[in-house]
């Protein structure tokens, strides 16, 4: 078993390898969606998962590979970009890892989950320590096919699950670009009150939910002076990232909101510099969520906690 000196692995979402490679320094190898770099871990917004401690293990057989992995820890998940049958046979010999869909609001798994891949028939790359507790960084949820008017609700579910904190009854939320109401539906279902801004109407079932107040108009008219104190500012509005960045700073400077979940939407390969701007905000996280498209999600939670605390 060998550990390549100062090596880190980054797993990109399908279609976003170029963005991941573009933000990393010292890229050494690219294996489909898995990018290996020289040096210690770097902050990455485009990686769905980070392999913090990748080790190269030479193995003689499928059984030998499973034995080597089990000698390190119990829980493993394959990234099978080639040699698919061989990956599956190794996984069959490992302890079962449950990956049941989460029922939001539910905390993510706490058990460590390692990742492995075959670089060749007898060459295993395995990292016992990864950033994400989900298989290949992909959370799955028990979806609601009746209530939300769009699938955008899954983005907010994912963001709040990663934060391990979500709005609670008695909290006040501002939802920008709310129509047709996927995010407003999430917030109201949690028992929070919601001020929903959009030029378009909310879906009737969302507009009728308890605690929802719809304001028809420009989302950026929802200034701190006009709206007042809120506990959460949530935005999935379609706009240039720089405009949202400046609006977020207006709210941060006002001191009238401490928790934020905002989508930064991109057109083509421009405006990526805004990601670095948002990372500079203390306590921030900027991630390409599994349910994001050509966008990333900026999150700031000043009073994050876990229900297990």
C-alpha atoms as a PDB file:
ATOM      1  CA  UNK A   1       0.000   0.000   0.000  1.00  0.00           C
ATOM      2  CA  UNK A   2       1.351   3.413  -0.928  1.00  0.00           C
ATOM      3  CA  UNK A   3       0.098   6.908  -0.404  1.00  0.00           C
ATOM      4  CA  UNK A   4       1.110   9.245  -3.238  1.00  0.00           C
ATOM      5  CA  UNK A   5       2.783  12.256  -1.624  1.00  0.00           C
ATOM      6  CA  UNK A   6       0.417  15.165  -1.160  1.00  0.00           C
ATOM      7  CA  UNK A   7      -2.290  13.874  -3.484  1.00  0.00           C
ATOM      8  CA  UNK A   8      -5.974  14.815  -3.336  1.00  0.00           C
ATOM      9  CA  UNK A   9      -8.880  13.595  -5.457  1.00  0.00           C
ATOM     10  CA  UNK A  10     -11.845  15.676  -6.605  1.00  0.00           C
ATOM     11  CA  UNK A  11     -14.964  14.161  -8.153  1.00  0.00           C
ATOM     12  CA  UNK A  12     -16.853  16.391 -10.571  1.00  0.00           C
ATOM     13  CA  UNK A  13     -20.526  16.209 -11.407  1.00  0.00           C
ATOM     14  CA  UNK A  14     -21.250  14.976 -14.945  1.00  0.00           C
ATOM     15  CA  UNK A  15     -20.676  17.820 -17.381  1.00  0.00           C
ATOM     16  CA  UNK A  16     -18.553  19.933 -15.038  1.00  0.00           C
ATOM     17  CA  UNK A  17     -15.070  18.433 -15.269  1.00  0.00           C
ATOM     18  CA  UNK A  18     -13.760  21.491 -17.133  1.00  0.00           C
ATOM     19  CA  UNK A  19     -14.983  23.849 -14.407  1.00  0.00           C
ATOM     20  CA  UNK A  20     -13.398  21.664 -11.730  1.00  0.00           C
ATOM     21  CA  UNK A  21     -10.052  21.449 -13.529  1.00  0.00           C
ATOM     22  CA  UNK A  22     -10.154  25.208 -14.083  1.00  0.00           C
ATOM     23  CA  UNK A  23     -10.407  26.025 -10.378  1.00  0.00           C
ATOM     24  CA  UNK A  24      -7.707  23.600  -9.167  1.00  0.00           C
ATOM     25  CA  UNK A  25      -3.935  23.971  -9.016  1.00  0.00           C
ATOM     26  CA  UNK A  26      -1.466  21.181  -9.713  1.00  0.00           C
ATOM     27  CA  UNK A  27      -3.746  18.894 -11.710  1.00  0.00           C
ATOM     28  CA  UNK A  28      -1.838  15.675 -12.397  1.00  0.00           C
ATOM     29  CA  UNK A  29      -4.339  13.176 -13.757  1.00  0.00           C
ATOM     30  CA  UNK A  30      -7.966  13.097 -14.874  1.00  0.00           C
ATOM     31  CA  UNK A  31      -9.834   9.784 -14.808  1.00  0.00           C
ATOM     32  CA  UNK A  32     -13.254  10.508 -16.290  1.00  0.00           C
ATOM     33  CA  UNK A  33     -14.802  12.719 -13.553  1.00  0.00           C
ATOM     34  CA  UNK A  34     -12.067  12.098 -10.959  1.00  0.00           C
ATOM     35  CA  UNK A  35      -9.349  14.767 -10.915  1.00  0.00           C
ATOM     36  CA  UNK A  36      -6.114  14.087  -9.007  1.00  0.00           C
ATOM     37  CA  UNK A  37      -3.908  16.976  -7.917  1.00  0.00           C
ATOM     38  CA  UNK A  38      -0.524  17.376  -6.322  1.00  0.00           C
ATOM     39  CA  UNK A  39      -0.581  19.080  -2.949  1.00  0.00           C
ATOM     40  CA  UNK A  40      -2.919  19.227   0.038  1.00  0.00           C
ATOM     41  CA  UNK A  41      -6.698  19.683  -0.316  1.00  0.00           C
ATOM     42  CA  UNK A  42      -7.864  22.907  -1.936  1.00  0.00           C
ATOM     43  CA  UNK A  43     -11.164  24.696  -1.536  1.00  0.00           C
ATOM     44  CA  UNK A  44     -13.380  23.500  -4.363  1.00  0.00           C
ATOM     45  CA  UNK A  45     -16.838  24.627  -5.402  1.00  0.00           C
ATOM     46  CA  UNK A  46     -17.223  22.335  -8.418  1.00  0.00           C
ATOM     47  CA  UNK A  47     -16.390  19.019  -6.709  1.00  0.00           C
ATOM     48  CA  UNK A  48     -19.285  16.842  -5.581  1.00  0.00           C
ATOM     49  CA  UNK A  49     -16.864  14.949  -3.381  1.00  0.00           C
ATOM     50  CA  UNK A  50     -13.248  15.320  -2.278  1.00  0.00           C
ATOM     51  CA  UNK A  51     -10.978  12.350  -1.576  1.00  0.00           C
ATOM     52  CA  UNK A  52      -8.720  13.635   1.186  1.00  0.00           C
ATOM     53  CA  UNK A  53      -6.429  10.637   1.639  1.00  0.00           C
ATOM     54  CA  UNK A  54      -6.127   8.592  -1.572  1.00  0.00           C
ATOM     55  CA  UNK A  55      -3.922   5.516  -1.343  1.00  0.00           C
ATOM     56  CA  UNK A  56      -2.697   3.289  -4.172  1.00  0.00           C
ATOM     57  CA  UNK A  57      -3.058  -0.413  -3.382  1.00  0.00           C
ATOM     58  CA  UNK A  58      -1.768  -3.147  -5.655  1.00  0.00           C
ATOM     59  CA  UNK A  59      -4.082  -6.163  -5.524  1.00  0.00           C
ATOM     60  CA  UNK A  60      -3.865  -9.653  -6.998  1.00  0.00           C
ATOM     61  CA  UNK A  61      -7.583 -10.389  -7.264  1.00  0.00           C
ATOM     62  CA  UNK A  62     -11.101  -9.189  -6.536  1.00  0.00           C
ATOM     63  CA  UNK A  63     -10.995 -10.905  -3.161  1.00  0.00           C
ATOM     64  CA  UNK A  64      -7.643  -9.331  -2.413  1.00  0.00           C
ATOM     65  CA  UNK A  65      -9.063  -5.882  -3.210  1.00  0.00           C
ATOM     66  CA  UNK A  66     -12.024  -6.384  -0.873  1.00  0.00           C
ATOM     67  CA  UNK A  67      -9.738  -7.695   1.867  1.00  0.00           C
ATOM     68  CA  UNK A  68      -7.452  -4.678   1.552  1.00  0.00           C
ATOM     69  CA  UNK A  69     -10.367  -2.242   1.783  1.00  0.00           C
ATOM     70  CA  UNK A  70     -11.911  -4.017   4.799  1.00  0.00           C
ATOM     71  CA  UNK A  71      -8.563  -3.872   6.585  1.00  0.00           C
ATOM     72  CA  UNK A  72      -8.768  -0.065   6.454  1.00  0.00           C
ATOM     73  CA  UNK A  73     -12.421   0.472   7.468  1.00  0.00           C
ATOM     74  CA  UNK A  74     -15.924  -0.913   7.032  1.00  0.00           C
ATOM     75  CA  UNK A  75     -17.782   1.451   4.696  1.00  0.00           C
ATOM     76  CA  UNK A  76     -16.800   1.942   1.048  1.00  0.00           C
ATOM     77  CA  UNK A  77     -18.457   3.070  -2.172  1.00  0.00           C
ATOM     78  CA  UNK A  78     -17.073   2.564  -5.689  1.00  0.00           C
ATOM     79  CA  UNK A  79     -16.554   5.155  -8.375  1.00  0.00           C
ATOM     80  CA  UNK A  80     -16.817   2.851 -11.382  1.00  0.00           C
ATOM     81  CA  UNK A  81     -15.731   4.820 -14.437  1.00  0.00           C
ATOM     82  CA  UNK A  82     -14.234   1.720 -16.090  1.00  0.00           C
ATOM     83  CA  UNK A  83     -13.978  -2.021 -15.324  1.00  0.00           C
ATOM     84  CA  UNK A  84     -17.599  -1.867 -14.173  1.00  0.00           C
ATOM     85  CA  UNK A  85     -18.035  -5.590 -13.581  1.00  0.00           C
ATOM     86  CA  UNK A  86     -14.861  -5.762 -11.519  1.00  0.00           C
ATOM     87  CA  UNK A  87     -16.007  -2.836  -9.359  1.00  0.00           C
ATOM     88  CA  UNK A  88     -19.358  -4.554  -8.796  1.00  0.00           C
ATOM     89  CA  UNK A  89     -17.720  -7.821  -7.758  1.00  0.00           C
ATOM     90  CA  UNK A  90     -15.488  -6.022  -5.263  1.00  0.00           C
ATOM     91  CA  UNK A  91     -18.488  -4.194  -3.823  1.00  0.00           C
ATOM     92  CA  UNK A  92     -20.352  -7.501  -3.408  1.00  0.00           C
ATOM     93  CA  UNK A  93     -17.574  -8.732  -1.123  1.00  0.00           C
ATOM     94  CA  UNK A  94     -17.676  -5.611   1.068  1.00  0.00           C
ATOM     95  CA  UNK A  95     -20.077  -4.988   3.973  1.00  0.00           C
ATOM     96  CA  UNK A  96     -23.400  -3.602   2.774  1.00  0.00           C
ATOM     97  CA  UNK A  97     -23.707   0.179   2.887  1.00  0.00           C
ATOM     98  CA  UNK A  98     -27.263   1.404   3.246  1.00  0.00           C
ATOM     99  CA  UNK A  99     -28.081   4.370   1.042  1.00  0.00           C
ATOM    100  CA  UNK A 100     -31.761   4.881   1.760  1.00  0.00           C
ATOM    101  CA  UNK A 101     -33.283   8.128   0.476  1.00  0.00           C
ATOM    102  CA  UNK A 102     -33.376  10.837   3.141  1.00  0.00           C
ATOM    103  CA  UNK A 103     -36.763  12.005   4.359  1.00  0.00           C
ATOM    104  CA  UNK A 104     -36.272  15.748   4.650  1.00  0.00           C
ATOM    105  CA  UNK A 105     -35.756  17.290   7.157  1.00  0.00           C
ATOM    106  CA  UNK A 106     -33.280  14.610   8.174  1.00  0.00           C
ATOM    107  CA  UNK A 107     -29.617  14.889   9.075  1.00  0.00           C
ATOM    108  CA  UNK A 108     -27.058  13.350   6.705  1.00  0.00           C
ATOM    109  CA  UNK A 109     -25.326  10.079   7.629  1.00  0.00           C
ATOM    110  CA  UNK A 110     -22.603  10.310  10.267  1.00  0.00           C
ATOM    111  CA  UNK A 111     -20.729   7.077   9.517  1.00  0.00           C
ATOM    112  CA  UNK A 112     -17.526   7.620   7.502  1.00  0.00           C
ATOM    113  CA  UNK A 113     -17.845   6.551   3.867  1.00  0.00           C
ATOM    114  CA  UNK A 114     -14.702   5.896   1.865  1.00  0.00           C
ATOM    115  CA  UNK A 115     -14.418   5.927  -1.920  1.00  0.00           C
ATOM    116  CA  UNK A 116     -12.452   3.654  -4.213  1.00  0.00           C
ATOM    117  CA  UNK A 117     -11.819   3.183  -7.917  1.00  0.00           C
ATOM    118  CA  UNK A 118      -9.795   0.866 -10.122  1.00  0.00           C
ATOM    119  CA  UNK A 119      -7.114   2.615 -12.157  1.00  0.00           C
ATOM    120  CA  UNK A 120      -6.390  -0.797 -13.711  1.00  0.00           C
ATOM    121  CA  UNK A 121      -7.350  -4.442 -13.073  1.00  0.00           C
ATOM    122  CA  UNK A 122      -4.837  -4.744 -10.218  1.00  0.00           C
ATOM    123  CA  UNK A 123      -4.417  -1.099  -9.166  1.00  0.00           C
ATOM    124  CA  UNK A 124      -6.820   0.253  -6.574  1.00  0.00           C
ATOM    125  CA  UNK A 125      -7.071   3.905  -5.563  1.00  0.00           C
ATOM    126  CA  UNK A 126      -8.877   4.245  -2.233  1.00  0.00           C
ATOM    127  CA  UNK A 127      -9.577   7.152   0.085  1.00  0.00           C
ATOM    128  CA  UNK A 128     -10.976   6.302   3.529  1.00  0.00           C
ATOM    129  CA  UNK A 129     -11.637   9.984   4.253  1.00  0.00           C
ATOM    130  CA  UNK A 130     -13.945  11.983   1.976  1.00  0.00           C
ATOM    131  CA  UNK A 131     -15.764  15.299   2.210  1.00  0.00           C
ATOM    132  CA  UNK A 132     -19.239  13.941   1.542  1.00  0.00           C
ATOM    133  CA  UNK A 133     -21.091  11.318   3.614  1.00  0.00           C
ATOM    134  CA  UNK A 134     -23.077  10.379   0.485  1.00  0.00           C
ATOM    135  CA  UNK A 135     -22.097   7.834  -2.198  1.00  0.00           C
ATOM    136  CA  UNK A 136     -19.913   9.741  -4.673  1.00  0.00           C
ATOM    137  CA  UNK A 137     -21.244  12.947  -3.125  1.00  0.00           C
ATOM    138  CA  UNK A 138     -24.789  12.375  -4.374  1.00  0.00           C
ATOM    139  CA  UNK A 139     -27.613  12.704  -1.813  1.00  0.00           C
ATOM    140  CA  UNK A 140     -30.946  11.117  -2.648  1.00  0.00           C
ATOM    141  CA  UNK A 141     -34.257  12.138  -1.135  1.00  0.00           C
ATOM    142  CA  UNK A 142     -37.679  10.585  -0.772  1.00  0.00           C
ATOM    143  CA  UNK A 143     -39.273  13.014  -3.195  1.00  0.00           C
ATOM    144  CA  UNK A 144     -42.651  14.708  -2.854  1.00  0.00           C
ATOM    145  CA  UNK A 145     -44.456  14.426  -6.185  1.00  0.00           C
ATOM    146  CA  UNK A 146     -47.616  16.248  -5.115  1.00  0.00           C
ATOM    147  CA  UNK A 147     -46.863  19.408  -3.123  1.00  0.00           C
ATOM    148  CA  UNK A 148     -44.030  21.358  -4.772  1.00  0.00           C
ATOM    149  CA  UNK A 149     -44.809  23.015  -8.131  1.00  0.00           C
ATOM    150  CA  UNK A 150     -41.292  22.426  -9.506  1.00  0.00           C
ATOM    151  CA  UNK A 151     -38.232  20.267  -8.853  1.00  0.00           C
ATOM    152  CA  UNK A 152     -36.261  23.289  -7.640  1.00  0.00           C
ATOM    153  CA  UNK A 153     -37.284  22.332  -4.103  1.00  0.00           C
ATOM    154  CA  UNK A 154     -34.630  19.593  -4.185  1.00  0.00           C
ATOM    155  CA  UNK A 155     -31.858  22.210  -4.351  1.00  0.00           C
ATOM    156  CA  UNK A 156     -33.044  23.790  -1.123  1.00  0.00           C
ATOM    157  CA  UNK A 157     -33.517  20.410   0.547  1.00  0.00           C
ATOM    158  CA  UNK A 158     -29.932  19.520  -0.355  1.00  0.00           C
ATOM    159  CA  UNK A 159     -28.487  22.849   0.806  1.00  0.00           C
ATOM    160  CA  UNK A 160     -30.264  22.751   4.163  1.00  0.00           C
ATOM    161  CA  UNK A 161     -29.299  19.104   4.677  1.00  0.00           C
ATOM    162  CA  UNK A 162     -25.630  19.971   4.151  1.00  0.00           C
ATOM    163  CA  UNK A 163     -25.955  22.927   6.537  1.00  0.00           C
ATOM    164  CA  UNK A 164     -27.567  20.614   9.118  1.00  0.00           C
ATOM    165  CA  UNK A 165     -29.843  23.541   9.903  1.00  0.00           C
ATOM    166  CA  UNK A 166     -33.183  24.625   8.495  1.00  0.00           C
ATOM    167  CA  UNK A 167     -35.861  27.225   9.221  1.00  0.00           C
ATOM    168  CA  UNK A 168     -38.123  26.431  12.139  1.00  0.00           C
ATOM    169  CA  UNK A 169     -41.579  27.591  13.270  1.00  0.00           C
ATOM    170  CA  UNK A 170     -41.452  31.222  14.317  1.00  0.00           C
ATOM    171  CA  UNK A 171     -38.647  32.135  11.929  1.00  0.00           C
ATOM    172  CA  UNK A 172     -39.201  34.577   9.070  1.00  0.00           C
ATOM    173  CA  UNK A 173     -37.860  33.879   5.573  1.00  0.00           C
ATOM    174  CA  UNK A 174     -37.453  35.989   2.452  1.00  0.00           C
ATOM    175  CA  UNK A 175     -37.659  34.062  -0.833  1.00  0.00           C
ATOM    176  CA  UNK A 176     -36.428  35.917  -3.936  1.00  0.00           C
ATOM    177  CA  UNK A 177     -37.457  34.748  -7.390  1.00  0.00           C
ATOM    178  CA  UNK A 178     -40.031  32.572  -5.701  1.00  0.00           C
ATOM    179  CA  UNK A 179     -42.383  31.639  -8.571  1.00  0.00           C
ATOM    180  CA  UNK A 180     -43.732  29.049  -9.061  1.00  0.00           C
ATOM    181  CA  UNK A 181     -42.966  28.388  -5.408  1.00  0.00           C
ATOM    182  CA  UNK A 182     -40.735  25.355  -4.926  1.00  0.00           C
ATOM    183  CA  UNK A 183     -38.540  27.030  -2.304  1.00  0.00           C
ATOM    184  CA  UNK A 184     -41.469  28.829  -0.672  1.00  0.00           C
ATOM    185  CA  UNK A 185     -43.181  25.448  -0.357  1.00  0.00           C
ATOM    186  CA  UNK A 186     -40.123  24.017   1.459  1.00  0.00           C
ATOM    187  CA  UNK A 187     -39.910  26.946   3.877  1.00  0.00           C
ATOM    188  CA  UNK A 188     -43.632  26.990   4.645  1.00  0.00           C
ATOM    189  CA  UNK A 189     -43.718  23.201   5.150  1.00  0.00           C
ATOM    190  CA  UNK A 190     -41.035  23.667   7.820  1.00  0.00           C
ATOM    191  CA  UNK A 191     -43.401  25.985   9.683  1.00  0.00           C
ATOM    192  CA  UNK A 192     -41.627  29.261   8.929  1.00  0.00           C
ATOM    193  CA  UNK A 193     -43.356  32.366   7.622  1.00  0.00           C
ATOM    194  CA  UNK A 194     -42.339  33.368   4.098  1.00  0.00           C
ATOM    195  CA  UNK A 195     -42.311  36.660   2.213  1.00  0.00           C
ATOM    196  CA  UNK A 196     -42.130  35.538  -1.428  1.00  0.00           C
ATOM    197  CA  UNK A 197     -41.026  38.056  -4.075  1.00  0.00           C
ATOM    198  CA  UNK A 198     -41.456  37.509  -7.815  1.00  0.00           C
ATOM    199  CA  UNK A 199     -42.928  39.246 -10.850  1.00  0.00           C
ATOM    200  CA  UNK A 200     -44.882  36.058 -11.573  1.00  0.00           C
ATOM    201  CA  UNK A 201     -47.572  34.420  -9.479  1.00  0.00           C
ATOM    202  CA  UNK A 202     -47.025  31.584  -7.043  1.00  0.00           C
ATOM    203  CA  UNK A 203     -48.739  28.289  -7.739  1.00  0.00           C
ATOM    204  CA  UNK A 204     -52.187  28.470  -6.079  1.00  0.00           C
ATOM    205  CA  UNK A 205     -51.494  25.643  -3.627  1.00  0.00           C
ATOM    206  CA  UNK A 206     -48.293  27.382  -2.449  1.00  0.00           C
ATOM    207  CA  UNK A 207     -49.882  30.833  -2.226  1.00  0.00           C
ATOM    208  CA  UNK A 208     -52.574  29.327   0.012  1.00  0.00           C
ATOM    209  CA  UNK A 209     -50.114  27.797   2.488  1.00  0.00           C
ATOM    210  CA  UNK A 210     -50.108  29.069   6.059  1.00  0.00           C
ATOM    211  CA  UNK A 211     -47.582  31.836   6.649  1.00  0.00           C
ATOM    212  CA  UNK A 212     -46.981  32.653   2.970  1.00  0.00           C
ATOM    213  CA  UNK A 213     -47.161  36.297   1.895  1.00  0.00           C
ATOM    214  CA  UNK A 214     -46.649  36.861  -1.838  1.00  0.00           C
ATOM    215  CA  UNK A 215     -45.337  40.185  -3.135  1.00  0.00           C
ATOM    216  CA  UNK A 216     -45.593  40.696  -6.897  1.00  0.00           C
ATOM    217  CA  UNK A 217     -42.616  42.713  -8.105  1.00  0.00           C
ATOM    218  CA  UNK A 218     -38.876  42.912  -8.599  1.00  0.00           C
ATOM    219  CA  UNK A 219     -36.986  40.641  -6.202  1.00  0.00           C
ATOM    220  CA  UNK A 220     -34.286  43.284  -5.758  1.00  0.00           C
ATOM    221  CA  UNK A 221     -36.857  45.699  -4.379  1.00  0.00           C
ATOM    222  CA  UNK A 222     -36.857  43.520  -1.253  1.00  0.00           C
ATOM    223  CA  UNK A 223     -34.305  45.662   0.562  1.00  0.00           C
ATOM    224  CA  UNK A 224     -33.598  45.455   4.297  1.00  0.00           C
ATOM    225  CA  UNK A 225     -35.316  48.792   4.885  1.00  0.00           C
ATOM    226  CA  UNK A 226     -38.454  47.610   3.116  1.00  0.00           C
ATOM    227  CA  UNK A 227     -38.659  44.038   4.409  1.00  0.00           C
ATOM    228  CA  UNK A 228     -37.164  44.402   7.876  1.00  0.00           C
ATOM    229  CA  UNK A 229     -35.586  41.678   9.991  1.00  0.00           C
ATOM    230  CA  UNK A 230     -35.590  38.143   8.582  1.00  0.00           C
ATOM    231  CA  UNK A 231     -33.960  34.950   9.778  1.00  0.00           C
ATOM    232  CA  UNK A 232     -33.295  33.538   6.309  1.00  0.00           C
ATOM    233  CA  UNK A 233     -32.716  35.027   2.875  1.00  0.00           C
ATOM    234  CA  UNK A 234     -33.204  32.441   0.143  1.00  0.00           C
ATOM    235  CA  UNK A 235     -32.745  33.217  -3.533  1.00  0.00           C
ATOM    236  CA  UNK A 236     -33.117  31.163  -6.686  1.00  0.00           C
ATOM    237  CA  UNK A 237     -33.678  34.265  -8.800  1.00  0.00           C
ATOM    238  CA  UNK A 238     -32.390  34.387 -12.376  1.00  0.00           C
ATOM    239  CA  UNK A 239     -29.909  37.263 -12.610  1.00  0.00           C
ATOM    240  CA  UNK A 240     -26.262  38.074 -13.215  1.00  0.00           C
ATOM    241  CA  UNK A 241     -24.168  36.704 -10.326  1.00  0.00           C
ATOM    242  CA  UNK A 242     -22.631  40.129  -9.667  1.00  0.00           C
ATOM    243  CA  UNK A 243     -26.070  41.617  -9.060  1.00  0.00           C
ATOM    244  CA  UNK A 244     -26.901  38.973  -6.480  1.00  0.00           C
ATOM    245  CA  UNK A 245     -23.457  39.366  -4.866  1.00  0.00           C
ATOM    246  CA  UNK A 246     -24.019  43.089  -4.386  1.00  0.00           C
ATOM    247  CA  UNK A 247     -27.543  42.513  -3.050  1.00  0.00           C
ATOM    248  CA  UNK A 248     -26.257  39.963  -0.543  1.00  0.00           C
ATOM    249  CA  UNK A 249     -23.705  42.488   0.712  1.00  0.00           C
ATOM    250  CA  UNK A 250     -26.509  45.026   1.171  1.00  0.00           C
ATOM    251  CA  UNK A 251     -28.254  42.571   3.471  1.00  0.00           C
ATOM    252  CA  UNK A 252     -25.065  41.546   5.262  1.00  0.00           C
ATOM    253  CA  UNK A 253     -24.157  45.170   5.940  1.00  0.00           C
ATOM    254  CA  UNK A 254     -27.642  45.830   7.319  1.00  0.00           C
ATOM    255  CA  UNK A 255     -27.299  43.121   9.974  1.00  0.00           C
ATOM    256  CA  UNK A 256     -30.938  42.165   9.380  1.00  0.00           C
ATOM    257  CA  UNK A 257     -30.303  38.587   8.243  1.00  0.00           C
ATOM    258  CA  UNK A 258     -27.831  35.955   9.422  1.00  0.00           C
ATOM    259  CA  UNK A 259     -28.692  32.904   7.319  1.00  0.00           C
ATOM    260  CA  UNK A 260     -28.510  32.718   3.531  1.00  0.00           C
ATOM    261  CA  UNK A 261     -29.010  30.151   0.771  1.00  0.00           C
ATOM    262  CA  UNK A 262     -28.552  31.698  -2.677  1.00  0.00           C
ATOM    263  CA  UNK A 263     -28.089  30.252  -6.158  1.00  0.00           C
ATOM    264  CA  UNK A 264     -25.483  31.899  -8.399  1.00  0.00           C
ATOM    265  CA  UNK A 265     -26.497  31.205 -11.995  1.00  0.00           C
ATOM    266  CA  UNK A 266     -24.009  31.344 -14.866  1.00  0.00           C
ATOM    267  CA  UNK A 267     -24.277  31.885 -18.607  1.00  0.00           C
ATOM    268  CA  UNK A 268     -21.518  30.152 -20.536  1.00  0.00           C
ATOM    269  CA  UNK A 269     -18.116  30.132 -18.874  1.00  0.00           C
ATOM    270  CA  UNK A 270     -18.158  33.707 -17.614  1.00  0.00           C
ATOM    271  CA  UNK A 271     -18.717  35.305 -14.215  1.00  0.00           C
ATOM    272  CA  UNK A 272     -16.898  32.534 -12.301  1.00  0.00           C
ATOM    273  CA  UNK A 273     -14.893  35.204 -10.459  1.00  0.00           C
ATOM    274  CA  UNK A 274     -17.973  35.833  -8.329  1.00  0.00           C
ATOM    275  CA  UNK A 275     -17.376  32.458  -6.671  1.00  0.00           C
ATOM    276  CA  UNK A 276     -14.106  33.763  -5.221  1.00  0.00           C
ATOM    277  CA  UNK A 277     -15.868  36.940  -4.087  1.00  0.00           C
ATOM    278  CA  UNK A 278     -18.507  34.952  -2.209  1.00  0.00           C
ATOM    279  CA  UNK A 279     -15.945  32.642  -0.614  1.00  0.00           C
ATOM    280  CA  UNK A 280     -14.333  35.688   0.998  1.00  0.00           C
ATOM    281  CA  UNK A 281     -17.426  36.264   3.134  1.00  0.00           C
ATOM    282  CA  UNK A 282     -16.530  34.747   6.541  1.00  0.00           C
ATOM    283  CA  UNK A 283     -18.263  31.455   7.246  1.00  0.00           C
ATOM    284  CA  UNK A 284     -19.374  30.990   3.649  1.00  0.00           C
ATOM    285  CA  UNK A 285     -19.610  27.825   1.609  1.00  0.00           C
ATOM    286  CA  UNK A 286     -19.964  27.793  -2.185  1.00  0.00           C
ATOM    287  CA  UNK A 287     -20.812  24.427  -3.725  1.00  0.00           C
ATOM    288  CA  UNK A 288     -22.130  22.939  -6.917  1.00  0.00           C
ATOM    289  CA  UNK A 289     -24.919  20.864  -5.403  1.00  0.00           C
ATOM    290  CA  UNK A 290     -25.982  17.641  -7.043  1.00  0.00           C
ATOM    291  CA  UNK A 291     -29.319  19.276  -7.887  1.00  0.00           C
ATOM    292  CA  UNK A 292     -27.705  22.414  -9.325  1.00  0.00           C
ATOM    293  CA  UNK A 293     -27.498  22.895 -13.073  1.00  0.00           C
ATOM    294  CA  UNK A 294     -25.017  25.457 -14.501  1.00  0.00           C
ATOM    295  CA  UNK A 295     -24.950  27.205 -11.145  1.00  0.00           C
ATOM    296  CA  UNK A 296     -23.533  26.998  -7.636  1.00  0.00           C
ATOM    297  CA  UNK A 297     -25.114  27.595  -4.252  1.00  0.00           C
ATOM    298  CA  UNK A 298     -23.713  30.059  -1.720  1.00  0.00           C
ATOM    299  CA  UNK A 299     -24.576  29.258   1.885  1.00  0.00           C
ATOM    300  CA  UNK A 300     -24.002  31.132   5.118  1.00  0.00           C
ATOM    301  CA  UNK A 301     -25.505  29.943   8.374  1.00  0.00           C
ATOM    302  CA  UNK A 302     -24.534  31.973  11.418  1.00  0.00           C
ATOM    303  CA  UNK A 303     -26.239  29.731  13.957  1.00  0.00           C
ATOM    304  CA  UNK A 304     -25.773  26.288  12.427  1.00  0.00           C
ATOM    305  CA  UNK A 305     -26.421  23.356  14.703  1.00  0.00           C
ATOM    306  CA  UNK A 306     -27.239  19.685  14.416  1.00  0.00           C
ATOM    307  CA  UNK A 307     -30.219  18.039  16.049  1.00  0.00           C
ATOM    308  CA  UNK A 308     -27.805  15.575  17.632  1.00  0.00           C
ATOM    309  CA  UNK A 309     -25.956  18.326  19.522  1.00  0.00           C
END
